[in-house]
Amino acid sequence: MELKRAKKRFGQHFLTDKNLLNKIVRTAGVEEGDVVLEIGPGRGALTGELLKAGARVVAVELDRNLAELLRAKFSREERFSLIEGDIVRLPFGQIEGLGLASDGTGKRAKKIKSVSNLPYNITGPMLFRFLEERDIFDSIVLLIQKEVAHRLASVPSTKGYNALSVLMQVWFDVKPEFEVKRTLFVPPPKVDSTVISLVPRIFPRVDTGDPVNFKRVVKAAFSLRRKMLSNSLKRLGFDTSIVSGALKSAGIDAKRRAETLTLGEFSALALAFEDITQSMETGRADERA
């Protein structure tokens, strides 16, 4: 079975240049015995190169026609397994074939790699998924829209710097590797792409305190882009005096905007809010006693 046309609703843009596919595999450092999660394998061009490198490939494909094609193409390949479904809704831990530890702890016996030409229409949701479930990966190499890749690596006071930039840089080493012209895809997308590598850090780049609180503070800070922090941080549910107190404690001018803050300043701000929250909880507990 051969597919003649990509499906726009699935964000499909197929890459067939073998030299480029091999470069992606080399960039990911795929070796014999590696377990690789591939998202949106399409017609299996990258899948084939991953298998040639000796990896065990667990592929997740939503398109039923493509899934049928992949099963036929790799029917004799013992190191290939296919999950047909929506990866956005499927937790990585529930993907059969990635390999849980045999001791029943739910931890991975061996961490895995993810190497994917990521469908454009799920790029955002999948980046957040990788962020939330980063502990199971050794490394992640993705082919994504050029603009998105550069946003992940953006620094303060630049156009692309946003909440995802901060969160990814805190918990990953982020490196744009090389660009891929739109003309190399079938059908060609409207933008160029970039291969980017994301390597989970053992420890966050800055002190986050409670990771859930850190994420809430960062997202609230960017929730009203181009607004002063004194306004956007009210989204956390605190009144003006508490927001002002946290900013003062962190040594940050309330008139600044989120896109000007460094990772270290976000750390100080999140820790300040965490201290305030803990003090408020302690006060309420004392009142009840």
Protein backbone atom coordinates (compact mmCIF):
# COMPACT_ATOMS: atom_id res chain seq x y z
CA MET A 1 0.00 0.00 0.00
CA GLU A 2 1.38 3.42 -0.93
CA LEU A 3 -0.10 6.76 0.04
CA LYS A 4 -0.08 9.51 -2.58
CA ARG A 5 -1.20 12.41 -0.45
CA ALA A 6 -0.53 13.70 3.06
CA LYS A 7 -3.47 14.69 5.20
CA LYS A 8 -3.55 18.33 6.18
CA ARG A 9 -5.68 17.75 9.29
CA PHE A 10 -2.90 15.58 10.75
CA GLY A 11 -0.17 18.15 10.01
CA GLN A 12 1.65 15.67 7.77
CA HIS A 13 4.78 16.70 5.87
CA PHE A 14 6.93 13.75 4.83
CA LEU A 15 10.73 13.89 4.74
CA THR A 16 12.42 11.48 2.34
CA ASP A 17 16.00 12.74 1.91
CA LYS A 18 18.12 9.83 3.22
CA ASN A 19 21.18 11.96 3.91
CA LEU A 20 19.10 14.28 6.05
CA LEU A 21 17.37 11.38 7.81
CA ASN A 22 20.75 9.85 8.61
CA LYS A 23 21.94 13.19 9.95
CA ILE A 24 18.97 13.29 12.33
CA VAL A 25 19.76 9.77 13.57
CA ARG A 26 23.43 10.69 14.09
CA THR A 27 22.47 13.88 15.90
CA ALA A 28 20.30 11.81 18.25
CA GLY A 29 23.24 9.48 18.92
CA VAL A 30 21.10 6.42 18.29
CA GLU A 31 23.00 3.19 18.94
CA GLU A 32 22.32 -0.51 18.84
CA GLY A 33 20.03 -1.53 21.67
CA ASP A 34 18.50 1.92 22.21
CA VAL A 35 14.76 2.14 22.71
CA VAL A 36 13.36 4.99 20.61
CA LEU A 37 9.89 6.50 20.75
CA GLU A 38 8.93 7.91 17.35
CA ILE A 39 5.86 10.15 17.18
CA GLY A 40 4.07 10.42 13.85
CA PRO A 41 6.26 8.04 11.80
CA GLY A 42 4.28 8.78 8.63
CA ARG A 43 5.48 6.54 5.80
CA GLY A 44 8.35 5.18 7.88
CA ALA A 45 11.34 6.90 6.25
CA LEU A 46 12.91 7.95 9.56
CA THR A 47 11.73 4.70 11.15
CA GLY A 48 13.79 2.71 8.69
CA GLU A 49 16.95 4.66 9.45
CA LEU A 50 16.43 4.27 13.21
CA LEU A 51 16.09 0.51 12.74
CA LYS A 52 19.25 0.41 10.59
CA ALA A 53 21.09 2.08 13.50
CA GLY A 54 20.10 -0.88 15.67
CA ALA A 55 17.36 0.73 17.74
CA ARG A 56 14.14 -0.82 18.93
CA VAL A 57 11.49 1.59 17.61
CA VAL A 58 8.13 2.11 19.26
CA ALA A 59 6.09 4.26 16.87
CA VAL A 60 2.78 5.98 17.60
CA GLU A 61 0.62 6.86 14.58
CA LEU A 62 -2.88 8.34 14.50
CA ASP A 63 -3.63 7.99 10.78
CA ARG A 64 -5.19 4.55 10.18
CA ASN A 65 -4.07 4.39 6.56
CA LEU A 66 -0.49 5.16 7.52
CA ALA A 67 -0.66 2.62 10.33
CA GLU A 68 -1.66 -0.03 7.79
CA LEU A 69 1.21 1.00 5.55
CA LEU A 70 3.71 0.82 8.42
CA ARG A 71 2.56 -2.62 9.54
CA ALA A 72 3.06 -3.94 6.01
CA LYS A 73 6.40 -2.21 5.53
CA PHE A 74 7.96 -3.44 8.78
CA SER A 75 6.07 -6.72 9.18
CA ARG A 76 9.29 -8.74 9.39
CA GLU A 77 11.11 -6.35 11.70
CA GLU A 78 11.12 -7.71 15.25
CA ARG A 79 12.49 -4.46 16.66
CA PHE A 80 9.53 -2.44 15.43
CA SER A 81 6.23 -2.05 17.25
CA LEU A 82 3.35 0.24 16.36
CA ILE A 83 0.77 1.87 18.58
CA GLU A 84 -2.22 3.22 16.69
CA GLY A 85 -3.70 6.15 18.55
CA ASP A 86 -3.53 9.80 19.58
CA ILE A 87 -0.20 10.45 21.30
CA VAL A 88 -1.51 13.73 22.73
CA ARG A 89 -3.99 11.75 24.85
CA LEU A 90 -1.74 8.77 25.60
CA PRO A 91 0.65 9.08 28.59
CA PHE A 92 4.12 7.86 27.70
CA GLY A 93 4.01 5.46 30.64
CA GLN A 94 1.11 3.62 29.04
CA ILE A 95 2.83 3.01 25.72
CA GLU A 96 3.44 -0.69 25.35
CA GLY A 97 6.96 -1.58 24.30
CA LEU A 98 8.87 1.20 26.03
CA GLY A 99 9.66 -1.19 28.89
CA LEU A 100 8.83 -0.82 32.57
CA ALA A 101 11.15 -2.07 35.29
CA SER A 102 10.34 -5.59 36.42
CA ASP A 103 10.40 -4.70 40.12
CA GLY A 104 6.92 -3.17 39.97
CA THR A 105 8.09 0.35 40.87
CA GLY A 106 6.96 1.80 37.57
CA LYS A 107 10.46 3.15 36.90
CA ARG A 108 12.15 2.55 33.58
CA ALA A 109 14.64 -0.30 33.43
CA LYS A 110 16.42 1.81 30.82
CA LYS A 111 15.70 5.37 29.81
CA ILE A 112 14.61 5.93 26.26
CA LYS A 113 15.20 8.37 23.44
CA SER A 114 12.59 10.09 21.31
CA VAL A 115 13.41 10.93 17.69
CA SER A 116 10.58 12.34 15.60
CA ASN A 117 9.57 14.44 12.64
CA LEU A 118 6.82 15.86 14.80
CA PRO A 119 3.46 16.58 13.08
CA TYR A 120 3.10 20.36 13.09
CA ASN A 121 -0.41 20.37 14.54
CA ILE A 122 0.69 18.71 17.80
CA THR A 123 4.02 20.47 18.37
CA GLY A 124 2.83 22.64 21.27
CA PRO A 125 0.97 19.93 23.21
CA MET A 126 3.83 17.45 22.74
CA LEU A 127 6.47 19.87 24.02
CA PHE A 128 4.48 20.25 27.22
CA ARG A 129 4.11 16.46 27.39
CA PHE A 130 7.88 16.02 27.11
CA LEU A 131 8.28 18.64 29.82
CA GLU A 132 5.92 16.83 32.19
CA GLU A 133 7.29 13.33 31.53
CA ARG A 134 10.95 14.24 30.99
CA ASP A 135 12.29 11.79 33.57
CA ILE A 136 11.85 8.77 31.31
CA PHE A 137 14.06 10.16 28.55
CA ASP A 138 17.79 10.26 28.00
CA SER A 139 17.36 12.64 25.09
CA ILE A 140 14.77 14.01 22.70
CA VAL A 141 15.50 15.05 19.11
CA LEU A 142 12.67 16.68 17.19
CA LEU A 143 12.18 18.15 13.76
CA ILE A 144 9.82 21.08 14.35
CA GLN A 145 8.93 24.48 12.94
CA LYS A 146 11.94 26.79 12.86
CA GLU A 147 10.12 29.54 14.75
CA VAL A 148 9.15 27.18 17.56
CA ALA A 149 12.68 25.78 17.88
CA HIS A 150 14.18 29.25 18.13
CA ARG A 151 11.53 30.21 20.69
CA LEU A 152 12.61 27.34 22.94
CA ALA A 153 16.17 28.65 22.89
CA SER A 154 15.26 32.36 23.18
CA VAL A 155 16.83 34.59 25.81
CA PRO A 156 15.18 37.38 27.85
CA SER A 157 14.06 40.55 26.06
CA THR A 158 13.83 38.86 22.67
CA LYS A 159 10.71 38.35 20.58
CA GLY A 160 10.34 34.60 21.07
CA TYR A 161 10.98 34.42 24.82
CA ASN A 162 7.89 33.07 26.58
CA ALA A 163 6.72 30.70 29.31
CA LEU A 164 7.69 27.61 27.35
CA SER A 165 11.18 29.06 26.76
CA VAL A 166 11.64 29.44 30.52
CA LEU A 167 10.25 26.03 31.47
CA MET A 168 12.19 24.12 28.82
CA GLN A 169 15.47 25.86 29.61
CA VAL A 170 15.09 25.20 33.33
CA TRP A 171 14.63 21.44 32.91
CA PHE A 172 16.43 20.75 29.61
CA ASP A 173 19.63 21.57 27.82
CA VAL A 174 18.14 23.04 24.64
CA LYS A 175 20.14 23.11 21.42
CA PRO A 176 18.93 23.96 17.89
CA GLU A 177 21.04 21.63 15.73
CA PHE A 178 20.45 22.48 12.08
CA GLU A 179 17.79 23.88 9.77
CA VAL A 180 15.75 21.99 7.18
CA LYS A 181 14.35 23.85 4.19
CA ARG A 182 10.65 23.53 3.46
CA THR A 183 11.39 22.31 -0.07
CA LEU A 184 12.71 19.01 1.30
CA PHE A 185 9.26 17.95 2.53
CA VAL A 186 6.37 16.40 0.62
CA PRO A 187 4.14 18.33 0.57
CA PRO A 188 6.25 21.38 1.45
CA PRO A 189 5.02 23.28 4.52
CA LYS A 190 4.75 27.06 4.55
CA VAL A 191 7.75 27.46 6.89
CA ASP A 192 11.26 26.08 7.30
CA SER A 193 12.02 23.62 10.08
CA THR A 194 14.78 23.01 12.61
CA VAL A 195 16.12 19.88 14.26
CA ILE A 196 16.40 20.56 17.97
CA SER A 197 17.82 18.42 20.77
CA LEU A 198 16.44 18.45 24.30
CA VAL A 199 18.45 16.71 27.02
CA PRO A 200 16.73 16.45 30.42
CA ARG A 201 18.84 17.82 33.26
CA ILE A 202 19.45 15.81 36.43
CA PHE A 203 18.79 18.98 38.40
CA PRO A 204 16.95 22.10 37.20
CA ARG A 205 19.13 24.94 35.99
CA VAL A 206 17.83 27.18 38.81
CA ASP A 207 16.17 26.46 42.14
CA THR A 208 12.48 26.00 41.38
CA GLY A 209 11.30 25.05 44.85
CA ASP A 210 7.95 23.33 44.27
CA PRO A 211 7.92 22.61 40.49
CA VAL A 212 4.13 22.99 40.32
CA ASN A 213 4.31 26.43 41.97
CA PHE A 214 7.18 27.43 39.68
CA LYS A 215 5.20 26.53 36.58
CA ARG A 216 2.13 28.42 37.84
CA VAL A 217 4.16 31.56 38.51
CA VAL A 218 5.88 31.48 35.12
CA LYS A 219 2.64 30.93 33.20
CA ALA A 220 0.86 33.66 35.18
CA ALA A 221 3.71 36.10 34.52
CA PHE A 222 3.34 35.61 30.76
CA SER A 223 -0.46 35.42 30.81
CA LEU A 224 -0.87 39.12 29.97
CA ARG A 225 1.97 39.68 27.54
CA ARG A 226 3.30 43.23 27.41
CA LYS A 227 1.65 43.96 30.78
CA MET A 228 3.54 44.79 33.95
CA LEU A 229 4.21 41.95 36.36
CA SER A 230 2.14 43.72 39.02
CA ASN A 231 -0.90 43.10 36.80
CA SER A 232 -0.20 39.71 35.23
CA LEU A 233 0.72 38.02 38.52
CA LYS A 234 -2.75 38.75 39.91
CA ARG A 235 -3.78 35.73 37.84
CA LEU A 236 -2.35 33.65 40.70
CA GLY A 237 -5.32 34.70 42.82
CA PHE A 238 -3.46 36.92 45.27
CA ASP A 239 -4.36 40.51 46.03
CA THR A 240 -2.19 43.44 45.04
CA SER A 241 -0.35 43.71 48.36
CA ILE A 242 0.78 40.08 48.26
CA VAL A 243 1.92 40.36 44.65
CA SER A 244 3.84 43.52 45.50
CA GLY A 245 5.38 41.82 48.51
CA ALA A 246 6.57 38.85 46.47
CA LEU A 247 8.11 41.10 43.82
CA LYS A 248 9.86 43.15 46.47
CA SER A 249 11.15 40.04 48.21
CA ALA A 250 12.53 38.77 44.89
CA GLY A 251 14.16 42.13 44.16
CA ILE A 252 12.14 42.66 40.97
CA ASP A 253 10.62 45.97 39.88
CA ALA A 254 6.81 45.59 39.67
CA LYS A 255 6.79 47.61 36.43
CA ARG A 256 8.90 45.08 34.55
CA ARG A 257 7.38 42.61 32.10
CA ALA A 258 7.76 38.84 32.14
CA GLU A 259 9.80 38.72 28.94
CA THR A 260 12.63 40.69 30.63
CA LEU A 261 13.16 38.27 33.54
CA THR A 262 16.07 35.85 33.62
CA LEU A 263 15.73 32.26 34.79
CA GLY A 264 17.33 33.28 38.08
CA GLU A 265 14.77 36.02 38.58
CA PHE A 266 11.91 33.62 37.89
CA SER A 267 13.44 31.36 40.51
CA ALA A 268 13.54 34.16 43.08
CA LEU A 269 9.96 35.16 42.27
CA ALA A 270 8.58 31.62 42.51
CA LEU A 271 10.37 31.02 45.82
CA ALA A 272 8.98 34.29 47.17
CA PHE A 273 5.42 33.23 46.34
CA GLU A 274 6.09 29.80 47.83
CA ASP A 275 7.27 31.39 51.08
CA ILE A 276 4.19 33.61 51.19
CA THR A 277 1.86 30.68 50.55
CA GLN A 278 3.50 28.60 53.27
CA SER A 279 3.25 31.50 55.74
CA MET A 280 -0.44 31.95 54.94
CA GLU A 281 -1.08 28.22 55.43
CA THR A 282 0.79 28.25 58.72
CA GLY A 283 -1.27 31.25 59.87
CA ARG A 284 -4.52 29.51 59.02
CA ALA A 285 -3.40 26.37 60.84
CA ASP A 286 -2.56 28.41 63.95
CA GLU A 287 -6.00 30.00 63.85
CA ARG A 288 -7.69 26.61 63.75
CA ALA A 289 -5.58 25.24 66.63
